[in-house]
PDB file of N, CA and C in Angstrom:
ATOM      1  N   ALA A   1      -8.875  -1.140  -9.288  1.00  0.00           N
ATOM      2  CA  ALA A   1      -9.462  -1.251  -7.954  1.00  0.00           C
ATOM      3  C   ALA A   1     -10.864  -0.640  -7.986  1.00  0.00           C
ATOM      4  N   PRO A   2     -11.771  -1.211  -7.239  1.00  0.00           N
ATOM      5  CA  PRO A   2     -13.088  -0.592  -7.137  1.00  0.00           C
ATOM      6  C   PRO A   2     -12.937   0.854  -6.659  1.00  0.00           C
ATOM      7  N   TYR A   3     -13.940   1.659  -6.886  1.00  0.00           N
ATOM      8  CA  TYR A   3     -14.004   3.079  -6.554  1.00  0.00           C
ATOM      9  C   TYR A   3     -13.322   3.914  -7.624  1.00  0.00           C
ATOM     10  N   THR A   4     -12.106   3.530  -8.067  1.00  0.00           N
ATOM     11  CA  THR A   4     -11.388   4.379  -9.013  1.00  0.00           C
ATOM     12  C   THR A   4     -11.315   3.793 -10.411  1.00  0.00           C
ATOM     13  N   GLY A   5     -11.424   2.481 -10.545  1.00  0.00           N
ATOM     14  CA  GLY A   5     -11.267   1.833 -11.834  1.00  0.00           C
ATOM     15  C   GLY A   5      -9.815   1.712 -12.262  1.00  0.00           C
ATOM     16  N   GLN A   6      -8.883   2.120 -11.408  1.00  0.00           N
ATOM     17  CA  GLN A   6      -7.465   2.058 -11.738  1.00  0.00           C
ATOM     18  C   GLN A   6      -6.894   0.697 -11.377  1.00  0.00           C
ATOM     19  N   VAL A   7      -5.882   0.277 -12.124  1.00  0.00           N
ATOM     20  CA  VAL A   7      -5.160  -0.958 -11.812  1.00  0.00           C
ATOM     21  C   VAL A   7      -4.122  -0.626 -10.739  1.00  0.00           C
ATOM     22  N   VAL A   8      -4.127  -1.396  -9.668  1.00  0.00           N
ATOM     23  CA  VAL A   8      -3.170  -1.207  -8.583  1.00  0.00           C
ATOM     24  C   VAL A   8      -2.230  -2.406  -8.578  1.00  0.00           C
ATOM     25  N   THR A   9      -0.938  -2.148  -8.692  1.00  0.00           N
ATOM     26  CA  THR A   9       0.031  -3.248  -8.763  1.00  0.00           C
ATOM     27  C   THR A   9       0.819  -3.420  -7.471  1.00  0.00           C
ATOM     28  N   GLU A  10       0.780  -2.441  -6.589  1.00  0.00           N
ATOM     29  CA  GLU A  10       1.511  -2.514  -5.324  1.00  0.00           C
ATOM     30  C   GLU A  10       0.530  -2.701  -4.176  1.00  0.00           C
ATOM     31  N   ALA A  11       0.712  -3.763  -3.397  1.00  0.00           N
ATOM     32  CA  ALA A  11      -0.197  -4.028  -2.277  1.00  0.00           C
ATOM     33  C   ALA A  11      -0.229  -2.858  -1.301  1.00  0.00           C
ATOM     34  N   GLY A  12       0.892  -2.174  -1.157  1.00  0.00           N
ATOM     35  CA  GLY A  12       0.947  -1.036  -0.246  1.00  0.00           C
ATOM     36  C   GLY A  12       0.068   0.122  -0.667  1.00  0.00           C
ATOM     37  N   ASP A  13      -0.400   0.102  -1.911  1.00  0.00           N
ATOM     38  CA  ASP A  13      -1.272   1.165  -2.394  1.00  0.00           C
ATOM     39  C   ASP A  13      -2.753   0.844  -2.154  1.00  0.00           C
ATOM     40  N   LEU A  14      -3.013  -0.303  -1.510  1.00  0.00           N
ATOM     41  CA  LEU A  14      -4.385  -0.711  -1.229  1.00  0.00           C
ATOM     42  C   LEU A  14      -4.710  -0.566   0.255  1.00  0.00           C
ATOM     43  N   ASP A  15      -5.959  -0.280   0.525  1.00  0.00           N
ATOM     44  CA  ASP A  15      -6.526  -0.327   1.869  1.00  0.00           C
ATOM     45  C   ASP A  15      -7.707  -1.284   1.807  1.00  0.00           C
ATOM     46  N   ILE A  16      -8.062  -1.843   2.947  1.00  0.00           N
ATOM     47  CA  ILE A  16      -9.315  -2.596   3.047  1.00  0.00           C
ATOM     48  C   ILE A  16     -10.345  -1.628   3.608  1.00  0.00           C
ATOM     49  N   ASP A  17     -11.330  -1.328   2.797  1.00  0.00           N
ATOM     50  CA  ASP A  17     -12.353  -0.353   3.176  1.00  0.00           C
ATOM     51  C   ASP A  17     -13.581  -1.065   3.727  1.00  0.00           C
ATOM     52  N   HIS A  18     -14.182  -0.471   4.756  1.00  0.00           N
ATOM     53  CA  HIS A  18     -15.522  -0.875   5.183  1.00  0.00           C
ATOM     54  C   HIS A  18     -16.494  -0.094   4.304  1.00  0.00           C
ATOM     55  N   ILE A  19     -17.245  -0.786   3.468  1.00  0.00           N
ATOM     56  CA  ILE A  19     -18.193  -0.111   2.582  1.00  0.00           C
ATOM     57  C   ILE A  19     -19.121   0.770   3.412  1.00  0.00           C
ATOM     58  N   VAL A  20     -19.711   0.187   4.460  1.00  0.00           N
ATOM     59  CA  VAL A  20     -20.433   0.979   5.453  1.00  0.00           C
ATOM     60  C   VAL A  20     -19.424   1.228   6.580  1.00  0.00           C
ATOM     61  N   PRO A  21     -18.893   2.455   6.683  1.00  0.00           N
ATOM     62  CA  PRO A  21     -17.853   2.716   7.674  1.00  0.00           C
ATOM     63  C   PRO A  21     -18.323   2.453   9.099  1.00  0.00           C
ATOM     64  N   LEU A  22     -17.378   2.046   9.944  1.00  0.00           N
ATOM     65  CA  LEU A  22     -17.713   1.734  11.332  1.00  0.00           C
ATOM     66  C   LEU A  22     -18.298   2.951  12.037  1.00  0.00           C
ATOM     67  N   ARG A  23     -17.708   4.120  11.838  1.00  0.00           N
ATOM     68  CA  ARG A  23     -18.208   5.323  12.518  1.00  0.00           C
ATOM     69  C   ARG A  23     -19.587   5.697  11.988  1.00  0.00           C
ATOM     70  N   TYR A  24     -19.822   5.513  10.683  1.00  0.00           N
ATOM     71  CA  TYR A  24     -21.145   5.758  10.115  1.00  0.00           C
ATOM     72  C   TYR A  24     -22.166   4.830  10.774  1.00  0.00           C
ATOM     73  N   ALA A  25     -21.806   3.548  10.858  1.00  0.00           N
ATOM     74  CA  ALA A  25     -22.717   2.571  11.458  1.00  0.00           C
ATOM     75  C   ALA A  25     -23.026   2.942  12.904  1.00  0.00           C
ATOM     76  N   TRP A  26     -22.004   3.383  13.624  1.00  0.00           N
ATOM     77  CA  TRP A  26     -22.175   3.754  15.037  1.00  0.00           C
ATOM     78  C   TRP A  26     -23.256   4.822  15.172  1.00  0.00           C
ATOM     79  N   GLY A  27     -23.220   5.806  14.283  1.00  0.00           N
ATOM     80  CA  GLY A  27     -24.194   6.889  14.323  1.00  0.00           C
ATOM     81  C   GLY A  27     -25.561   6.522  13.781  1.00  0.00           C
ATOM     82  N   HIS A  28     -25.682   5.326  13.205  1.00  0.00           N
ATOM     83  CA  HIS A  28     -26.955   4.882  12.634  1.00  0.00           C
ATOM     84  C   HIS A  28     -27.475   3.610  13.321  1.00  0.00           C
ATOM     85  N   GLY A  29     -27.074   3.418  14.573  1.00  0.00           N
ATOM     86  CA  GLY A  29     -27.660   2.323  15.348  1.00  0.00           C
ATOM     87  C   GLY A  29     -26.693   1.355  15.977  1.00  0.00           C
ATOM     88  N   ALA A  30     -25.453   1.289  15.468  1.00  0.00           N
ATOM     89  CA  ALA A  30     -24.513   0.292  15.994  1.00  0.00           C
ATOM     90  C   ALA A  30     -24.099   0.580  17.434  1.00  0.00           C
ATOM     91  N   ALA A  31     -24.293   1.810  17.892  1.00  0.00           N
ATOM     92  CA  ALA A  31     -23.925   2.144  19.273  1.00  0.00           C
ATOM     93  C   ALA A  31     -24.694   1.281  20.274  1.00  0.00           C
ATOM     94  N   SER A  32     -25.875   0.826  19.871  1.00  0.00           N
ATOM     95  CA  SER A  32     -26.690   0.020  20.792  1.00  0.00           C
ATOM     96  C   SER A  32     -26.511  -1.483  20.580  1.00  0.00           C
ATOM     97  N   TRP A  33     -25.646  -1.879  19.640  1.00  0.00           N
ATOM     98  CA  TRP A  33     -25.434  -3.296  19.373  1.00  0.00           C
ATOM     99  C   TRP A  33     -24.610  -3.949  20.476  1.00  0.00           C
ATOM    100  N   SER A  34     -24.708  -5.264  20.545  1.00  0.00           N
ATOM    101  CA  SER A  34     -23.826  -6.041  21.415  1.00  0.00           C
ATOM    102  C   SER A  34     -22.407  -5.995  20.848  1.00  0.00           C
ATOM    103  N   ALA A  35     -21.449  -6.267  21.709  1.00  0.00           N
ATOM    104  CA  ALA A  35     -20.048  -6.315  21.266  1.00  0.00           C
ATOM    105  C   ALA A  35     -19.878  -7.361  20.172  1.00  0.00           C
ATOM    106  N   GLN A  36     -20.602  -8.483  20.284  1.00  0.00           N
ATOM    107  CA  GLN A  36     -20.488  -9.543  19.279  1.00  0.00           C
ATOM    108  C   GLN A  36     -20.986  -9.070  17.917  1.00  0.00           C
ATOM    109  N   LYS A  37     -22.115  -8.354  17.904  1.00  0.00           N
ATOM    110  CA  LYS A  37     -22.648  -7.882  16.625  1.00  0.00           C
ATOM    111  C   LYS A  37     -21.713  -6.833  16.017  1.00  0.00           C
ATOM    112  N   ARG A  38     -21.155  -5.959  16.842  1.00  0.00           N
ATOM    113  CA  ARG A  38     -20.214  -4.961  16.321  1.00  0.00           C
ATOM    114  C   ARG A  38     -18.983  -5.636  15.735  1.00  0.00           C
ATOM    115  N   ALA A  39     -18.485  -6.674  16.405  1.00  0.00           N
ATOM    116  CA  ALA A  39     -17.311  -7.402  15.902  1.00  0.00           C
ATOM    117  C   ALA A  39     -17.644  -8.107  14.586  1.00  0.00           C
ATOM    118  N   ARG A  40     -18.832  -8.722  14.514  1.00  0.00           N
ATOM    119  CA  ARG A  40     -19.246  -9.405  13.282  1.00  0.00           C
ATOM    120  C   ARG A  40     -19.332  -8.404  12.129  1.00  0.00           C
ATOM    121  N   PHE A  41     -19.895  -7.234  12.396  1.00  0.00           N
ATOM    122  CA  PHE A  41     -20.020  -6.193  11.380  1.00  0.00           C
ATOM    123  C   PHE A  41     -18.637  -5.733  10.912  1.00  0.00           C
ATOM    124  N   ALA A  42     -17.735  -5.517  11.839  1.00  0.00           N
ATOM    125  CA  ALA A  42     -16.399  -5.007  11.505  1.00  0.00           C
ATOM    126  C   ALA A  42     -15.610  -5.994  10.650  1.00  0.00           C
ATOM    127  N   ARG A  43     -15.903  -7.294  10.809  1.00  0.00           N
ATOM    128  CA  ARG A  43     -15.146  -8.334  10.089  1.00  0.00           C
ATOM    129  C   ARG A  43     -15.909  -8.956   8.930  1.00  0.00           C
ATOM    130  N   ASP A  44     -17.121  -8.509   8.690  1.00  0.00           N
ATOM    131  CA  ASP A  44     -17.969  -9.129   7.668  1.00  0.00           C
ATOM    132  C   ASP A  44     -17.354  -8.923   6.280  1.00  0.00           C
ATOM    133  N   PRO A  45     -16.976 -10.013   5.586  1.00  0.00           N
ATOM    134  CA  PRO A  45     -16.364  -9.857   4.265  1.00  0.00           C
ATOM    135  C   PRO A  45     -17.277  -9.159   3.257  1.00  0.00           C
ATOM    136  N   VAL A  46     -18.577  -9.219   3.451  1.00  0.00           N
ATOM    137  CA  VAL A  46     -19.505  -8.531   2.549  1.00  0.00           C
ATOM    138  C   VAL A  46     -19.306  -7.015   2.653  1.00  0.00           C
ATOM    139  N   ASN A  47     -18.838  -6.553   3.819  1.00  0.00           N
ATOM    140  CA  ASN A  47     -18.655  -5.121   4.057  1.00  0.00           C
ATOM    141  C   ASN A  47     -17.206  -4.681   3.829  1.00  0.00           C
ATOM    142  N   LEU A  48     -16.345  -5.580   3.369  1.00  0.00           N
ATOM    143  CA  LEU A  48     -14.932  -5.254   3.171  1.00  0.00           C
ATOM    144  C   LEU A  48     -14.591  -5.278   1.687  1.00  0.00           C
ATOM    145  N   LEU A  49     -13.781  -4.312   1.263  1.00  0.00           N
ATOM    146  CA  LEU A  49     -13.438  -4.201  -0.144  1.00  0.00           C
ATOM    147  C   LEU A  49     -12.026  -3.635  -0.269  1.00  0.00           C
ATOM    148  N   PRO A  50     -11.136  -4.321  -1.023  1.00  0.00           N
ATOM    149  CA  PRO A  50      -9.812  -3.737  -1.249  1.00  0.00           C
ATOM    150  C   PRO A  50      -9.934  -2.589  -2.248  1.00  0.00           C
ATOM    151  N   VAL A  51      -9.493  -1.421  -1.833  1.00  0.00           N
ATOM    152  CA  VAL A  51      -9.593  -0.223  -2.677  1.00  0.00           C
ATOM    153  C   VAL A  51      -8.282   0.542  -2.613  1.00  0.00           C
ATOM    154  N   SER A  52      -8.122   1.495  -3.511  1.00  0.00           N
ATOM    155  CA  SER A  52      -6.912   2.307  -3.457  1.00  0.00           C
ATOM    156  C   SER A  52      -6.906   3.084  -2.141  1.00  0.00           C
ATOM    157  N   ALA A  53      -5.725   3.195  -1.563  1.00  0.00           N
ATOM    158  CA  ALA A  53      -5.588   3.894  -0.287  1.00  0.00           C
ATOM    159  C   ALA A  53      -6.093   5.330  -0.410  1.00  0.00           C
ATOM    160  N   SER A  54      -5.817   5.971  -1.535  1.00  0.00           N
ATOM    161  CA  SER A  54      -6.236   7.372  -1.682  1.00  0.00           C
ATOM    162  C   SER A  54      -7.760   7.488  -1.712  1.00  0.00           C
ATOM    163  N   ALA A  55      -8.447   6.554  -2.380  1.00  0.00           N
ATOM    164  CA  ALA A  55      -9.911   6.600  -2.422  1.00  0.00           C
ATOM    165  C   ALA A  55     -10.483   6.329  -1.039  1.00  0.00           C
ATOM    166  N   ASN A  56      -9.898   5.386  -0.304  1.00  0.00           N
ATOM    167  CA  ASN A  56     -10.378   5.073   1.032  1.00  0.00           C
ATOM    168  C   ASN A  56     -10.244   6.291   1.937  1.00  0.00           C
ATOM    169  N   ARG A  57      -9.145   6.991   1.828  1.00  0.00           N
ATOM    170  CA  ARG A  57      -8.929   8.154   2.692  1.00  0.00           C
ATOM    171  C   ARG A  57      -9.834   9.306   2.307  1.00  0.00           C
ATOM    172  N   SER A  58     -10.136   9.447   1.027  1.00  0.00           N
ATOM    173  CA  SER A  58     -11.043  10.531   0.622  1.00  0.00           C
ATOM    174  C   SER A  58     -12.469  10.237   1.106  1.00  0.00           C
ATOM    175  N   LYS A  59     -12.816   8.968   1.196  1.00  0.00           N
ATOM    176  CA  LYS A  59     -14.151   8.568   1.650  1.00  0.00           C
ATOM    177  C   LYS A  59     -14.311   8.770   3.145  1.00  0.00           C
ATOM    178  N   GLY A  60     -13.302   8.376   3.913  1.00  0.00           N
ATOM    179  CA  GLY A  60     -13.395   8.508   5.360  1.00  0.00           C
ATOM    180  C   GLY A  60     -14.576   7.742   5.922  1.00  0.00           C
ATOM    181  N   ALA A  61     -15.334   8.373   6.802  1.00  0.00           N
ATOM    182  CA  ALA A  61     -16.473   7.722   7.458  1.00  0.00           C
ATOM    183  C   ALA A  61     -17.796   8.122   6.823  1.00  0.00           C
ATOM    184  N   ARG A  62     -17.741   8.627   5.604  1.00  0.00           N
ATOM    185  CA  ARG A  62     -18.962   9.117   4.969  1.00  0.00           C
ATOM    186  C   ARG A  62     -19.729   8.008   4.258  1.00  0.00           C
ATOM    187  N   GLY A  63     -21.020   8.238   4.118  1.00  0.00           N
ATOM    188  CA  GLY A  63     -21.885   7.350   3.358  1.00  0.00           C
ATOM    189  C   GLY A  63     -22.149   7.930   1.978  1.00  0.00           C
ATOM    190  N   PRO A  64     -22.992   7.263   1.189  1.00  0.00           N
ATOM    191  CA  PRO A  64     -23.199   7.651  -0.211  1.00  0.00           C
ATOM    192  C   PRO A  64     -23.878   9.004  -0.403  1.00  0.00           C
ATOM    193  N   LEU A  65     -24.518   9.549   0.601  1.00  0.00           N
ATOM    194  CA  LEU A  65     -25.114  10.868   0.430  1.00  0.00           C
ATOM    195  C   LEU A  65     -24.040  11.953   0.464  1.00  0.00           C
ATOM    196  N   ASP A  66     -22.866  11.618   0.985  1.00  0.00           N
ATOM    197  CA  ASP A  66     -21.780  12.590   1.117  1.00  0.00           C
ATOM    198  C   ASP A  66     -20.532  12.232   0.323  1.00  0.00           C
ATOM    199  N   TRP A  67     -20.469  11.023  -0.221  1.00  0.00           N
ATOM    200  CA  TRP A  67     -19.295  10.589  -0.974  1.00  0.00           C
ATOM    201  C   TRP A  67     -19.721   9.514  -1.960  1.00  0.00           C
ATOM    202  N   LEU A  68     -19.191   9.592  -3.182  1.00  0.00           N
ATOM    203  CA  LEU A  68     -19.396   8.538  -4.172  1.00  0.00           C
ATOM    204  C   LEU A  68     -18.048   8.172  -4.779  1.00  0.00           C
ATOM    205  N   PRO A  69     -17.886   6.925  -5.223  1.00  0.00           N
ATOM    206  CA  PRO A  69     -16.630   6.530  -5.860  1.00  0.00           C
ATOM    207  C   PRO A  69     -16.325   7.429  -7.054  1.00  0.00           C
ATOM    208  N   PRO A  70     -15.050   7.763  -7.257  1.00  0.00           N
ATOM    209  CA  PRO A  70     -14.687   8.572  -8.422  1.00  0.00           C
ATOM    210  C   PRO A  70     -15.058   7.901  -9.748  1.00  0.00           C
ATOM    211  N   ASP A  71     -15.060   6.578  -9.793  1.00  0.00           N
ATOM    212  CA  ASP A  71     -15.391   5.842 -11.021  1.00  0.00           C
ATOM    213  C   ASP A  71     -16.909   5.781 -11.178  1.00  0.00           C
ATOM    214  N   PRO A  72     -17.484   6.514 -12.145  1.00  0.00           N
ATOM    215  CA  PRO A  72     -18.937   6.506 -12.311  1.00  0.00           C
ATOM    216  C   PRO A  72     -19.498   5.101 -12.562  1.00  0.00           C
ATOM    217  N   GLY A  73     -18.692   4.225 -13.158  1.00  0.00           N
ATOM    218  CA  GLY A  73     -19.146   2.874 -13.456  1.00  0.00           C
ATOM    219  C   GLY A  73     -19.320   1.990 -12.239  1.00  0.00           C
ATOM    220  N   PHE A  74     -18.837   2.428 -11.077  1.00  0.00           N
ATOM    221  CA  PHE A  74     -18.948   1.618  -9.857  1.00  0.00           C
ATOM    222  C   PHE A  74     -19.962   2.202  -8.874  1.00  0.00           C
ATOM    223  N   ARG A  75     -20.514   3.366  -9.191  1.00  0.00           N
ATOM    224  CA  ARG A  75     -21.377   4.055  -8.219  1.00  0.00           C
ATOM    225  C   ARG A  75     -22.676   3.310  -7.919  1.00  0.00           C
ATOM    226  N   CYS A  76     -23.328   2.777  -8.924  1.00  0.00           N
ATOM    227  CA  CYS A  76     -24.573   2.037  -8.690  1.00  0.00           C
ATOM    228  C   CYS A  76     -24.300   0.833  -7.789  1.00  0.00           C
ATOM    229  N   GLN A  77     -23.285   0.051  -8.138  1.00  0.00           N
ATOM    230  CA  GLN A  77     -22.958  -1.134  -7.338  1.00  0.00           C
ATOM    231  C   GLN A  77     -22.635  -0.742  -5.892  1.00  0.00           C
ATOM    232  N   TYR A  78     -21.876   0.350  -5.722  1.00  0.00           N
ATOM    233  CA  TYR A  78     -21.504   0.811  -4.382  1.00  0.00           C
ATOM    234  C   TYR A  78     -22.742   1.162  -3.557  1.00  0.00           C
ATOM    235  N   VAL A  79     -23.643   1.947  -4.144  1.00  0.00           N
ATOM    236  CA  VAL A  79     -24.830   2.381  -3.394  1.00  0.00           C
ATOM    237  C   VAL A  79     -25.733   1.194  -3.078  1.00  0.00           C
ATOM    238  N   LEU A  80     -25.908   0.291  -4.034  1.00  0.00           N
ATOM    239  CA  LEU A  80     -26.738  -0.890  -3.775  1.00  0.00           C
ATOM    240  C   LEU A  80     -26.135  -1.741  -2.661  1.00  0.00           C
ATOM    241  N   ARG A  81     -24.823  -1.946  -2.716  1.00  0.00           N
ATOM    242  CA  ARG A  81     -24.170  -2.771  -1.693  1.00  0.00           C
ATOM    243  C   ARG A  81     -24.231  -2.086  -0.332  1.00  0.00           C
ATOM    244  N   PHE A  82     -23.993  -0.785  -0.304  1.00  0.00           N
ATOM    245  CA  PHE A  82     -24.078  -0.020   0.940  1.00  0.00           C
ATOM    246  C   PHE A  82     -25.461  -0.178   1.570  1.00  0.00           C
ATOM    247  N   ARG A  83     -26.502   0.017   0.776  1.00  0.00           N
ATOM    248  CA  ARG A  83     -27.874  -0.061   1.291  1.00  0.00           C
ATOM    249  C   ARG A  83     -28.216  -1.477   1.743  1.00  0.00           C
ATOM    250  N   ARG A  84     -27.747  -2.487   0.998  1.00  0.00           N
ATOM    251  CA  ARG A  84     -28.024  -3.886   1.362  1.00  0.00           C
ATOM    252  C   ARG A  84     -27.365  -4.221   2.695  1.00  0.00           C
ATOM    253  N   ILE A  85     -26.118  -3.804   2.883  1.00  0.00           N
ATOM    254  CA  ILE A  85     -25.410  -4.072   4.142  1.00  0.00           C
ATOM    255  C   ILE A  85     -26.094  -3.341   5.288  1.00  0.00           C
ATOM    256  N   ALA A  86     -26.404  -2.061   5.082  1.00  0.00           N
ATOM    257  CA  ALA A  86     -27.064  -1.282   6.139  1.00  0.00           C
ATOM    258  C   ALA A  86     -28.384  -1.933   6.545  1.00  0.00           C
ATOM    259  N   ALA A  87     -29.156  -2.383   5.561  1.00  0.00           N
ATOM    260  CA  ALA A  87     -30.445  -3.012   5.857  1.00  0.00           C
ATOM    261  C   ALA A  87     -30.259  -4.344   6.563  1.00  0.00           C
ATOM    262  N   SER A  88     -29.255  -5.123   6.138  1.00  0.00           N
ATOM    263  CA  SER A  88     -29.084  -6.449   6.736  1.00  0.00           C
ATOM    264  C   SER A  88     -28.677  -6.358   8.202  1.00  0.00           C
ATOM    265  N   TYR A  89     -28.048  -5.252   8.591  1.00  0.00           N
ATOM    266  CA  TYR A  89     -27.664  -5.062   9.991  1.00  0.00           C
ATOM    267  C   TYR A  89     -28.660  -4.191  10.757  1.00  0.00           C
ATOM    268  N   GLY A  90     -29.707  -3.762  10.091  1.00  0.00           N
ATOM    269  CA  GLY A  90     -30.735  -2.981  10.770  1.00  0.00           C
ATOM    270  C   GLY A  90     -30.312  -1.564  11.105  1.00  0.00           C
ATOM    271  N   LEU A  91     -29.392  -0.994  10.321  1.00  0.00           N
ATOM    272  CA  LEU A  91     -29.019   0.396  10.563  1.00  0.00           C
ATOM    273  C   LEU A  91     -30.216   1.296  10.271  1.00  0.00           C
ATOM    274  N   VAL A  92     -30.331   2.371  11.014  1.00  0.00           N
ATOM    275  CA  VAL A  92     -31.503   3.234  10.951  1.00  0.00           C
ATOM    276  C   VAL A  92     -31.143   4.551  10.265  1.00  0.00           C
ATOM    277  N   HIS A  93     -31.908   4.885   9.230  1.00  0.00           N
ATOM    278  CA  HIS A  93     -31.772   6.169   8.563  1.00  0.00           C
ATOM    279  C   HIS A  93     -33.024   6.982   8.837  1.00  0.00           C
ATOM    280  N   SER A  94     -32.859   8.290   8.905  1.00  0.00           N
ATOM    281  CA  SER A  94     -34.030   9.155   9.043  1.00  0.00           C
ATOM    282  C   SER A  94     -34.879   9.028   7.783  1.00  0.00           C
ATOM    283  N   ALA A  95     -36.115   9.469   7.860  1.00  0.00           N
ATOM    284  CA  ALA A  95     -36.996   9.415   6.690  1.00  0.00           C
ATOM    285  C   ALA A  95     -36.387  10.219   5.547  1.00  0.00           C
ATOM    286  N   ALA A  96     -35.779  11.355   5.862  1.00  0.00           N
ATOM    287  CA  ALA A  96     -35.164  12.192   4.819  1.00  0.00           C
ATOM    288  C   ALA A  96     -33.975  11.475   4.195  1.00  0.00           C
ATOM    289  N   GLU A  97     -33.131  10.861   5.030  1.00  0.00           N
ATOM    290  CA  GLU A  97     -31.984  10.117   4.503  1.00  0.00           C
ATOM    291  C   GLU A  97     -32.450   8.977   3.605  1.00  0.00           C
ATOM    292  N   GLU A  98     -33.473   8.261   4.039  1.00  0.00           N
ATOM    293  CA  GLU A  98     -33.976   7.133   3.251  1.00  0.00           C
ATOM    294  C   GLU A  98     -34.499   7.616   1.908  1.00  0.00           C
ATOM    295  N   ARG A  99     -35.245   8.712   1.900  1.00  0.00           N
ATOM    296  CA  ARG A  99     -35.746   9.279   0.629  1.00  0.00           C
ATOM    297  C   ARG A  99     -34.578   9.646  -0.282  1.00  0.00           C
ATOM    298  N   GLU A 100     -33.551  10.281   0.284  1.00  0.00           N
ATOM    299  CA  GLU A 100     -32.392  10.683  -0.518  1.00  0.00           C
ATOM    300  C   GLU A 100     -31.643   9.467  -1.046  1.00  0.00           C
ATOM    301  N   LEU A 101     -31.526   8.406  -0.248  1.00  0.00           N
ATOM    302  CA  LEU A 101     -30.844   7.189  -0.702  1.00  0.00           C
ATOM    303  C   LEU A 101     -31.614   6.528  -1.845  1.00  0.00           C
ATOM    304  N   VAL A 102     -32.930   6.488  -1.717  1.00  0.00           N
ATOM    305  CA  VAL A 102     -33.758   5.906  -2.783  1.00  0.00           C
ATOM    306  C   VAL A 102     -33.604   6.722  -4.061  1.00  0.00           C
ATOM    307  N   ALA A 103     -33.653   8.048  -3.942  1.00  0.00           N
ATOM    308  CA  ALA A 103     -33.518   8.913  -5.118  1.00  0.00           C
ATOM    309  C   ALA A 103     -32.130   8.768  -5.739  1.00  0.00           C
ATOM    310  N   LEU A 104     -31.095   8.715  -4.906  1.00  0.00           N
ATOM    311  CA  LEU A 104     -29.730   8.552  -5.398  1.00  0.00           C
ATOM    312  C   LEU A 104     -29.591   7.227  -6.136  1.00  0.00           C
ATOM    313  N   THR A 105     -30.146   6.161  -5.573  1.00  0.00           N
ATOM    314  CA  THR A 105     -30.099   4.848  -6.221  1.00  0.00           C
ATOM    315  C   THR A 105     -30.756   4.921  -7.588  1.00  0.00           C
ATOM    316  N   GLY A 106     -31.903   5.582  -7.659  1.00  0.00           N
ATOM    317  CA  GLY A 106     -32.597   5.724  -8.941  1.00  0.00           C
ATOM    318  C   GLY A 106     -31.753   6.461  -9.966  1.00  0.00           C
ATOM    319  N   ARG A 107     -31.103   7.545  -9.536  1.00  0.00           N
ATOM    320  CA  ARG A 107     -30.271   8.318 -10.466  1.00  0.00           C
ATOM    321  C   ARG A 107     -29.070   7.501 -10.931  1.00  0.00           C
ATOM    322  N   LEU A 108     -28.430   6.796 -10.016  1.00  0.00           N
ATOM    323  CA  LEU A 108     -27.198   6.074 -10.368  1.00  0.00           C
ATOM    324  C   LEU A 108     -27.460   4.766 -11.093  1.00  0.00           C
ATOM    325  N   CYS A 109     -28.572   4.125 -10.770  1.00  0.00           N
ATOM    326  CA  CYS A 109     -28.827   2.783 -11.311  1.00  0.00           C
ATOM    327  C   CYS A 109     -29.903   2.791 -12.389  1.00  0.00           C
ATOM    328  N   GLY A 110     -30.448   3.934 -12.663  1.00  0.00           N
ATOM    329  CA  GLY A 110     -31.433   4.043 -13.738  1.00  0.00           C
ATOM    330  C   GLY A 110     -32.731   3.331 -13.453  1.00  0.00           C
ATOM    331  N   THR A 111     -33.120   3.298 -12.147  1.00  0.00           N
ATOM    332  CA  THR A 111     -34.401   2.661 -11.801  1.00  0.00           C
ATOM    333  C   THR A 111     -35.352   3.690 -11.240  1.00  0.00           C
TER     334      THR A 111
END
């Protein structure tokens, strides 16, 4: 499963994770969205990922500055996807958050 790199054989051990959590999005601009845009965001398959239930629960509503997948091999992809989704929906980060996200991307993705 993404995040952990472990093979999951029982469906009950999986959760569907919002890569950009709904509560995170709310605090970064989604509070002002229309109900339709919030619904589209919540159901967007680009923002949904089947992951181990334990990894999903450890992540909670945090973003990449506060949580990274346990599997180091998935961290670059996770951060890139998180940032792409946030940008495509117009989520707003402070200048400091944006600097930290850029630096984190560089460290994880070697750019």
